Amino acid sequence: MNIRLGIFSLAAVLLSACGNNVTGQKEHNVPLVTTIDSVSYGIGTEVGPDLQRNLKSSGLDSLNKEAMFAGMRDAMDSTERIPADSLRAIVQNFMKGAHDKMMAQQQVEADAELTKGKAFLADNGKKPGVVTTASGLEYQVITMGTGPKPAATDSVRLNYTGTLINGEKFDSSLDHGGPIEYPVSGFIPGWQEALQLMPAGSKWKLFIPSDLAYGPRGSGKLIPGNSTLIFDLDLIDVLGKKK
């Protein structure tokens, strides 16, 4: 099952799980008698986790869900207990505060990550075999290939594994079925620089500062803002210019 519902459809689904609750207390024993009961419940189990993740990512995971469900019911019945203008102002002010708090926390975490990354690179750059380029990219040759070096306009075939400086893996081509084929110009700046230095057949370890990776914004949930990244990069082949 892979169902994506808008917020209003979601409201109807959630109401099916609490529509019989007239006391304001939590109700988790809605009878599942008919097929539509089971379908409603199944859809709820699909969209529930997404709703929870969205609330958490928006800094709203502390909401009173029973009050939220009650608001959905009252809106559908046109029996809202707070005037619309007042309610809108309350929600907007709270949302702004939650957003500002979340952004401030993310900034603190990103600043800490940047400090850790700089310290790591400063120490790592002193290790035997580690080369530091003018941009701040650090690399270590594991195997030096004998094939051609790709240009910025070429596509390449390669394998990679990426980790944070704490050793936590966030991605690997081996987890997705093997080598990928992609234009050099489509990669993060640290990869673009390294690949143009690597002859085909090379295996290098890259240590990439955040400004040559994903910067203050990070990438997804696994790469925090200002993260220094480590990649094991295996350049299998240079494919030339792909149409």
C-alpha atoms as a PDB file:
ATOM      1  CA  MET A   1       0.000   0.000   0.000  1.00  0.00           C
ATOM      2  CA  ASN A   2       1.401   3.410  -0.945  1.00  0.00           C
ATOM      3  CA  ILE A   3      -1.250   6.062  -0.363  1.00  0.00           C
ATOM      4  CA  ARG A   4      -0.659   9.796  -0.296  1.00  0.00           C
ATOM      5  CA  LEU A   5      -3.519  11.934   0.979  1.00  0.00           C
ATOM      6  CA  GLY A   6      -3.905  15.689   1.315  1.00  0.00           C
ATOM      7  CA  ILE A   7      -4.500  17.210   4.716  1.00  0.00           C
ATOM      8  CA  PHE A   8      -8.262  17.320   4.302  1.00  0.00           C
ATOM      9  CA  SER A   9      -8.457  13.688   3.262  1.00  0.00           C
ATOM     10  CA  LEU A  10      -6.160  12.908   6.150  1.00  0.00           C
ATOM     11  CA  ALA A  11      -8.538  14.644   8.512  1.00  0.00           C
ATOM     12  CA  ALA A  12     -11.379  12.388   7.422  1.00  0.00           C
ATOM     13  CA  VAL A  13      -9.217   9.320   7.922  1.00  0.00           C
ATOM     14  CA  LEU A  14      -8.160  10.366  11.393  1.00  0.00           C
ATOM     15  CA  LEU A  15     -11.732  11.110  12.330  1.00  0.00           C
ATOM     16  CA  SER A  16     -12.647   7.519  11.546  1.00  0.00           C
ATOM     17  CA  ALA A  17     -10.387   6.503  14.397  1.00  0.00           C
ATOM     18  CA  CYS A  18     -11.827   8.901  16.945  1.00  0.00           C
ATOM     19  CA  GLY A  19     -15.268   9.875  15.702  1.00  0.00           C
ATOM     20  CA  ASN A  20     -17.015   7.982  18.483  1.00  0.00           C
ATOM     21  CA  ASN A  21     -15.062   9.778  21.192  1.00  0.00           C
ATOM     22  CA  VAL A  22     -17.486  12.281  22.726  1.00  0.00           C
ATOM     23  CA  THR A  23     -15.804  12.569  26.131  1.00  0.00           C
ATOM     24  CA  GLY A  24     -12.467  13.953  24.963  1.00  0.00           C
ATOM     25  CA  GLN A  25     -10.654  10.866  26.259  1.00  0.00           C
ATOM     26  CA  LYS A  26      -8.391   8.756  24.066  1.00  0.00           C
ATOM     27  CA  GLU A  27     -10.206   5.993  22.217  1.00  0.00           C
ATOM     28  CA  HIS A  28      -8.239   3.179  20.647  1.00  0.00           C
ATOM     29  CA  ASN A  29     -10.960   0.520  20.539  1.00  0.00           C
ATOM     30  CA  VAL A  30     -12.953   1.520  17.472  1.00  0.00           C
ATOM     31  CA  PRO A  31     -14.640  -1.681  16.274  1.00  0.00           C
ATOM     32  CA  LEU A  32     -13.426  -2.979  12.911  1.00  0.00           C
ATOM     33  CA  VAL A  33     -16.517  -4.813  11.712  1.00  0.00           C
ATOM     34  CA  THR A  34     -17.033  -4.008   8.046  1.00  0.00           C
ATOM     35  CA  THR A  35     -14.621  -3.960   5.119  1.00  0.00           C
ATOM     36  CA  ILE A  36     -14.701  -0.164   5.065  1.00  0.00           C
ATOM     37  CA  ASP A  37     -13.782  -0.171   8.752  1.00  0.00           C
ATOM     38  CA  SER A  38     -10.678  -2.207   7.968  1.00  0.00           C
ATOM     39  CA  VAL A  39      -9.837  -0.117   4.899  1.00  0.00           C
ATOM     40  CA  SER A  40     -10.183   3.075   6.960  1.00  0.00           C
ATOM     41  CA  TYR A  41      -7.950   1.624   9.638  1.00  0.00           C
ATOM     42  CA  GLY A  42      -5.390   0.474   7.061  1.00  0.00           C
ATOM     43  CA  ILE A  43      -5.201   3.903   5.455  1.00  0.00           C
ATOM     44  CA  GLY A  44      -4.803   5.409   8.903  1.00  0.00           C
ATOM     45  CA  THR A  45      -1.806   3.182   9.625  1.00  0.00           C
ATOM     46  CA  GLU A  46      -0.236   4.386   6.371  1.00  0.00           C
ATOM     47  CA  VAL A  47      -0.709   8.133   6.823  1.00  0.00           C
ATOM     48  CA  GLY A  48      -0.273   8.205  10.602  1.00  0.00           C
ATOM     49  CA  PRO A  49       3.519   7.799  10.589  1.00  0.00           C
ATOM     50  CA  ASP A  50       3.861  10.402   7.829  1.00  0.00           C
ATOM     51  CA  LEU A  51       1.790  12.853   9.855  1.00  0.00           C
ATOM     52  CA  GLN A  52       3.898  12.206  12.944  1.00  0.00           C
ATOM     53  CA  ARG A  53       7.143  12.739  10.996  1.00  0.00           C
ATOM     54  CA  ASN A  54       5.803  15.950   9.460  1.00  0.00           C
ATOM     55  CA  LEU A  55       4.769  17.276  12.849  1.00  0.00           C
ATOM     56  CA  LYS A  56       8.170  16.426  14.317  1.00  0.00           C
ATOM     57  CA  SER A  57      10.112  17.956  11.428  1.00  0.00           C
ATOM     58  CA  SER A  58       8.033  21.136  11.835  1.00  0.00           C
ATOM     59  CA  GLY A  59       8.658  21.313  15.587  1.00  0.00           C
ATOM     60  CA  LEU A  60       5.019  20.448  16.301  1.00  0.00           C
ATOM     61  CA  ASP A  61       5.390  16.979  17.819  1.00  0.00           C
ATOM     62  CA  SER A  62       4.199  18.342  21.189  1.00  0.00           C
ATOM     63  CA  LEU A  63       0.691  19.083  19.863  1.00  0.00           C
ATOM     64  CA  ASN A  64      -2.308  17.711  21.749  1.00  0.00           C
ATOM     65  CA  LYS A  65      -3.480  15.254  19.103  1.00  0.00           C
ATOM     66  CA  GLU A  66      -6.881  14.737  20.698  1.00  0.00           C
ATOM     67  CA  ALA A  67      -7.518  18.497  20.516  1.00  0.00           C
ATOM     68  CA  MET A  68      -6.314  18.451  16.908  1.00  0.00           C
ATOM     69  CA  PHE A  69      -8.760  15.649  16.062  1.00  0.00           C
ATOM     70  CA  ALA A  70     -11.536  17.556  17.860  1.00  0.00           C
ATOM     71  CA  GLY A  71     -10.756  20.621  15.744  1.00  0.00           C
ATOM     72  CA  MET A  72     -11.075  18.494  12.604  1.00  0.00           C
ATOM     73  CA  ARG A  73     -14.463  17.195  13.689  1.00  0.00           C
ATOM     74  CA  ASP A  74     -15.732  20.647  14.676  1.00  0.00           C
ATOM     75  CA  ALA A  75     -14.574  22.153  11.373  1.00  0.00           C
ATOM     76  CA  MET A  76     -16.348  19.442   9.398  1.00  0.00           C
ATOM     77  CA  ASP A  77     -19.503  20.078  11.429  1.00  0.00           C
ATOM     78  CA  SER A  78     -19.074  23.889  11.335  1.00  0.00           C
ATOM     79  CA  THR A  79     -19.118  24.019  15.134  1.00  0.00           C
ATOM     80  CA  GLU A  80     -15.750  25.678  15.807  1.00  0.00           C
ATOM     81  CA  ARG A  81     -15.397  26.844  19.422  1.00  0.00           C
ATOM     82  CA  ILE A  82     -12.967  29.720  18.676  1.00  0.00           C
ATOM     83  CA  PRO A  83     -13.650  32.461  16.084  1.00  0.00           C
ATOM     84  CA  ALA A  84     -11.758  31.870  12.849  1.00  0.00           C
ATOM     85  CA  ASP A  85      -9.756  35.146  12.956  1.00  0.00           C
ATOM     86  CA  SER A  86      -8.653  34.580  16.550  1.00  0.00           C
ATOM     87  CA  LEU A  87      -7.796  30.957  15.869  1.00  0.00           C
ATOM     88  CA  ARG A  88      -5.768  31.847  12.789  1.00  0.00           C
ATOM     89  CA  ALA A  89      -3.718  34.365  14.778  1.00  0.00           C
ATOM     90  CA  ILE A  90      -3.102  31.848  17.578  1.00  0.00           C
ATOM     91  CA  VAL A  91      -1.923  29.180  15.164  1.00  0.00           C
ATOM     92  CA  GLN A  92       0.255  31.543  13.106  1.00  0.00           C
ATOM     93  CA  ASN A  93       1.980  32.950  16.198  1.00  0.00           C
ATOM     94  CA  PHE A  94       2.639  29.475  17.558  1.00  0.00           C
ATOM     95  CA  MET A  95       3.910  28.212  14.209  1.00  0.00           C
ATOM     96  CA  LYS A  96       6.301  31.160  13.911  1.00  0.00           C
ATOM     97  CA  GLY A  97       7.627  30.541  17.404  1.00  0.00           C
ATOM     98  CA  ALA A  98       8.056  26.818  16.742  1.00  0.00           C
ATOM     99  CA  HIS A  99       9.814  27.523  13.445  1.00  0.00           C
ATOM    100  CA  ASP A 100      12.158  30.102  14.993  1.00  0.00           C
ATOM    101  CA  LYS A 101      13.012  27.702  17.820  1.00  0.00           C
ATOM    102  CA  MET A 102      13.702  24.864  15.397  1.00  0.00           C
ATOM    103  CA  MET A 103      15.883  27.064  13.173  1.00  0.00           C
ATOM    104  CA  ALA A 104      17.858  28.293  16.183  1.00  0.00           C
ATOM    105  CA  GLN A 105      18.485  24.722  17.311  1.00  0.00           C
ATOM    106  CA  GLN A 106      19.547  23.715  13.801  1.00  0.00           C
ATOM    107  CA  GLN A 107      21.980  26.639  13.719  1.00  0.00           C
ATOM    108  CA  VAL A 108      23.526  25.582  17.023  1.00  0.00           C
ATOM    109  CA  GLU A 109      23.929  22.039  15.724  1.00  0.00           C
ATOM    110  CA  ALA A 110      25.342  23.235  12.381  1.00  0.00           C
ATOM    111  CA  ASP A 111      27.889  25.485  14.141  1.00  0.00           C
ATOM    112  CA  ALA A 112      28.992  22.567  16.309  1.00  0.00           C
ATOM    113  CA  GLU A 113      29.271  20.329  13.242  1.00  0.00           C
ATOM    114  CA  LEU A 114      31.409  22.908  11.440  1.00  0.00           C
ATOM    115  CA  THR A 115      33.775  23.169  14.413  1.00  0.00           C
ATOM    116  CA  LYS A 116      34.112  19.380  14.633  1.00  0.00           C
ATOM    117  CA  GLY A 117      34.708  19.116  10.891  1.00  0.00           C
ATOM    118  CA  LYS A 118      37.471  21.738  10.894  1.00  0.00           C
ATOM    119  CA  ALA A 119      39.235  20.023  13.792  1.00  0.00           C
ATOM    120  CA  PHE A 120      38.960  16.654  12.057  1.00  0.00           C
ATOM    121  CA  LEU A 121      40.394  17.943   8.784  1.00  0.00           C
ATOM    122  CA  ALA A 122      43.229  19.780  10.530  1.00  0.00           C
ATOM    123  CA  ASP A 123      44.298  16.565  12.229  1.00  0.00           C
ATOM    124  CA  ASN A 124      43.605  14.321   9.246  1.00  0.00           C
ATOM    125  CA  GLY A 125      45.649  16.492   6.883  1.00  0.00           C
ATOM    126  CA  LYS A 126      48.783  15.758   8.914  1.00  0.00           C
ATOM    127  CA  LYS A 127      48.538  11.994   8.407  1.00  0.00           C
ATOM    128  CA  PRO A 128      50.981  10.240   6.065  1.00  0.00           C
ATOM    129  CA  GLY A 129      49.627   9.826   2.544  1.00  0.00           C
ATOM    130  CA  VAL A 130      46.900  12.478   2.877  1.00  0.00           C
ATOM    131  CA  VAL A 131      47.069  15.232   0.252  1.00  0.00           C
ATOM    132  CA  THR A 132      45.367  18.604   0.784  1.00  0.00           C
ATOM    133  CA  THR A 133      44.435  20.700  -2.248  1.00  0.00           C
ATOM    134  CA  ALA A 134      44.120  24.483  -2.433  1.00  0.00           C
ATOM    135  CA  SER A 135      40.329  24.231  -1.978  1.00  0.00           C
ATOM    136  CA  GLY A 136      40.654  22.311   1.290  1.00  0.00           C
ATOM    137  CA  LEU A 137      39.770  18.917  -0.186  1.00  0.00           C
ATOM    138  CA  GLU A 138      41.793  16.098   1.341  1.00  0.00           C
ATOM    139  CA  TYR A 139      42.367  12.743  -0.316  1.00  0.00           C
ATOM    140  CA  GLN A 140      44.320   9.552   0.163  1.00  0.00           C
ATOM    141  CA  VAL A 141      45.272   7.299  -2.746  1.00  0.00           C
ATOM    142  CA  ILE A 142      44.417   3.668  -2.032  1.00  0.00           C
ATOM    143  CA  THR A 143      44.985   2.466  -5.609  1.00  0.00           C
ATOM    144  CA  MET A 144      46.228   4.620  -8.475  1.00  0.00           C
ATOM    145  CA  GLY A 145      44.635   3.636 -11.777  1.00  0.00           C
ATOM    146  CA  THR A 146      46.208   3.801 -15.196  1.00  0.00           C
ATOM    147  CA  GLY A 147      43.200   4.881 -17.282  1.00  0.00           C
ATOM    148  CA  PRO A 148      42.219   8.331 -18.518  1.00  0.00           C
ATOM    149  CA  LYS A 149      41.177  11.140 -16.207  1.00  0.00           C
ATOM    150  CA  PRO A 150      37.634  12.440 -16.713  1.00  0.00           C
ATOM    151  CA  ALA A 151      36.943  16.021 -17.718  1.00  0.00           C
ATOM    152  CA  ALA A 152      34.171  18.099 -16.156  1.00  0.00           C
ATOM    153  CA  THR A 153      32.049  17.418 -19.242  1.00  0.00           C
ATOM    154  CA  ASP A 154      32.436  13.616 -19.038  1.00  0.00           C
ATOM    155  CA  SER A 155      30.239  11.026 -17.413  1.00  0.00           C
ATOM    156  CA  VAL A 156      31.758   8.315 -15.223  1.00  0.00           C
ATOM    157  CA  ARG A 157      30.945   4.890 -13.817  1.00  0.00           C
ATOM    158  CA  LEU A 158      31.843   4.485 -10.156  1.00  0.00           C
ATOM    159  CA  ASN A 159      31.112   2.958  -6.783  1.00  0.00           C
ATOM    160  CA  TYR A 160      31.113   4.913  -3.546  1.00  0.00           C
ATOM    161  CA  THR A 161      30.443   4.655   0.166  1.00  0.00           C
ATOM    162  CA  GLY A 162      29.878   7.785   2.223  1.00  0.00           C
ATOM    163  CA  THR A 163      30.226   8.225   5.977  1.00  0.00           C
ATOM    164  CA  LEU A 164      30.183  11.047   8.501  1.00  0.00           C
ATOM    165  CA  ILE A 165      33.339  11.714  10.494  1.00  0.00           C
ATOM    166  CA  ASN A 166      31.881   9.647  13.343  1.00  0.00           C
ATOM    167  CA  GLY A 167      31.901   6.607  11.032  1.00  0.00           C
ATOM    168  CA  GLU A 168      28.138   6.513  10.456  1.00  0.00           C
ATOM    169  CA  LYS A 169      27.336   5.435   6.886  1.00  0.00           C
ATOM    170  CA  PHE A 170      24.731   7.552   5.119  1.00  0.00           C
ATOM    171  CA  ASP A 171      24.834   6.084   1.603  1.00  0.00           C
ATOM    172  CA  SER A 172      26.550   3.587  -0.676  1.00  0.00           C
ATOM    173  CA  SER A 173      26.127   2.671  -4.322  1.00  0.00           C
ATOM    174  CA  LEU A 174      26.565  -0.960  -3.250  1.00  0.00           C
ATOM    175  CA  ASP A 175      23.289  -0.665  -1.342  1.00  0.00           C
ATOM    176  CA  HIS A 176      21.538   0.321  -4.584  1.00  0.00           C
ATOM    177  CA  GLY A 177      22.680  -2.455  -6.875  1.00  0.00           C
ATOM    178  CA  GLY A 178      26.225  -1.504  -7.765  1.00  0.00           C
ATOM    179  CA  PRO A 179      27.970   1.163  -9.877  1.00  0.00           C
ATOM    180  CA  ILE A 180      26.273   4.386 -10.873  1.00  0.00           C
ATOM    181  CA  GLU A 181      26.752   6.349 -14.099  1.00  0.00           C
ATOM    182  CA  TYR A 182      26.547  10.114 -13.819  1.00  0.00           C
ATOM    183  CA  PRO A 183      28.064  13.343 -15.236  1.00  0.00           C
ATOM    184  CA  VAL A 184      31.041  14.681 -13.313  1.00  0.00           C
ATOM    185  CA  SER A 185      29.396  18.114 -13.289  1.00  0.00           C
ATOM    186  CA  GLY A 186      26.381  16.710 -11.443  1.00  0.00           C
ATOM    187  CA  PHE A 187      28.292  15.775  -8.298  1.00  0.00           C
ATOM    188  CA  ILE A 188      29.113  17.890  -5.244  1.00  0.00           C
ATOM    189  CA  PRO A 189      32.133  20.198  -5.731  1.00  0.00           C
ATOM    190  CA  GLY A 190      34.491  17.966  -3.740  1.00  0.00           C
ATOM    191  CA  TRP A 191      33.738  15.019  -5.999  1.00  0.00           C
ATOM    192  CA  GLN A 192      34.067  17.141  -9.149  1.00  0.00           C
ATOM    193  CA  GLU A 193      37.547  18.220  -8.112  1.00  0.00           C
ATOM    194  CA  ALA A 194      38.699  14.765  -7.034  1.00  0.00           C
ATOM    195  CA  LEU A 195      37.346  12.930 -10.070  1.00  0.00           C
ATOM    196  CA  GLN A 196      39.255  15.152 -12.480  1.00  0.00           C
ATOM    197  CA  LEU A 197      42.456  14.177 -10.671  1.00  0.00           C
ATOM    198  CA  MET A 198      41.718  10.433 -10.678  1.00  0.00           C
ATOM    199  CA  PRO A 199      42.742   8.104 -13.529  1.00  0.00           C
ATOM    200  CA  ALA A 200      40.148   5.433 -14.252  1.00  0.00           C
ATOM    201  CA  GLY A 201      40.788   2.376 -12.108  1.00  0.00           C
ATOM    202  CA  SER A 202      41.678   4.480  -9.069  1.00  0.00           C
ATOM    203  CA  LYS A 203      40.362   3.986  -5.554  1.00  0.00           C
ATOM    204  CA  TRP A 204      40.694   7.044  -3.334  1.00  0.00           C
ATOM    205  CA  LYS A 205      39.436   8.058   0.080  1.00  0.00           C
ATOM    206  CA  LEU A 206      38.090  11.613   0.075  1.00  0.00           C
ATOM    207  CA  PHE A 207      37.730  13.904   3.084  1.00  0.00           C
ATOM    208  CA  ILE A 208      35.436  16.710   1.980  1.00  0.00           C
ATOM    209  CA  PRO A 209      34.836  19.929   3.979  1.00  0.00           C
ATOM    210  CA  SER A 210      31.247  21.050   4.200  1.00  0.00           C
ATOM    211  CA  ASP A 211      31.659  23.959   1.768  1.00  0.00           C
ATOM    212  CA  LEU A 212      32.626  21.432  -0.926  1.00  0.00           C
ATOM    213  CA  ALA A 213      29.747  19.118   0.044  1.00  0.00           C
ATOM    214  CA  TYR A 214      26.231  20.125   1.136  1.00  0.00           C
ATOM    215  CA  GLY A 215      27.048  23.245   3.158  1.00  0.00           C
ATOM    216  CA  PRO A 216      24.894  24.674   5.976  1.00  0.00           C
ATOM    217  CA  ARG A 217      21.700  22.997   4.745  1.00  0.00           C
ATOM    218  CA  GLY A 218      23.003  19.429   4.777  1.00  0.00           C
ATOM    219  CA  SER A 219      21.145  16.773   2.819  1.00  0.00           C
ATOM    220  CA  GLY A 220      18.079  14.874   3.966  1.00  0.00           C
ATOM    221  CA  LYS A 221      17.900  13.501   7.479  1.00  0.00           C
ATOM    222  CA  LEU A 222      21.236  11.679   7.455  1.00  0.00           C
ATOM    223  CA  ILE A 223      23.650  14.512   6.611  1.00  0.00           C
ATOM    224  CA  PRO A 224      23.436  17.429   9.089  1.00  0.00           C
ATOM    225  CA  GLY A 225      24.252  20.967   8.063  1.00  0.00           C
ATOM    226  CA  ASN A 226      27.976  21.808   7.814  1.00  0.00           C
ATOM    227  CA  SER A 227      28.986  18.141   7.805  1.00  0.00           C
ATOM    228  CA  THR A 228      32.464  17.096   6.745  1.00  0.00           C
ATOM    229  CA  LEU A 229      32.061  13.927   4.666  1.00  0.00           C
ATOM    230  CA  ILE A 230      34.263  10.914   3.976  1.00  0.00           C
ATOM    231  CA  PHE A 231      33.917   8.904   0.769  1.00  0.00           C
ATOM    232  CA  ASP A 232      35.518   5.725  -0.466  1.00  0.00           C
ATOM    233  CA  LEU A 233      35.454   6.407  -4.210  1.00  0.00           C
ATOM    234  CA  ASP A 234      36.160   3.759  -6.855  1.00  0.00           C
ATOM    235  CA  LEU A 235      36.371   5.257 -10.361  1.00  0.00           C
ATOM    236  CA  ILE A 236      35.656   2.298 -12.642  1.00  0.00           C
ATOM    237  CA  ASP A 237      35.485   3.950 -16.052  1.00  0.00           C
ATOM    238  CA  VAL A 238      35.295   7.250 -17.910  1.00  0.00           C
ATOM    239  CA  LEU A 239      32.328   7.179 -20.277  1.00  0.00           C
ATOM    240  CA  GLY A 240      33.025  10.411 -22.140  1.00  0.00           C
ATOM    241  CA  LYS A 241      30.376  12.896 -23.108  1.00  0.00           C
ATOM    242  CA  LYS A 242      26.918  11.330 -22.915  1.00  0.00           C
ATOM    243  CA  LYS A 243      24.165  12.672 -25.133  1.00  0.00           C
END
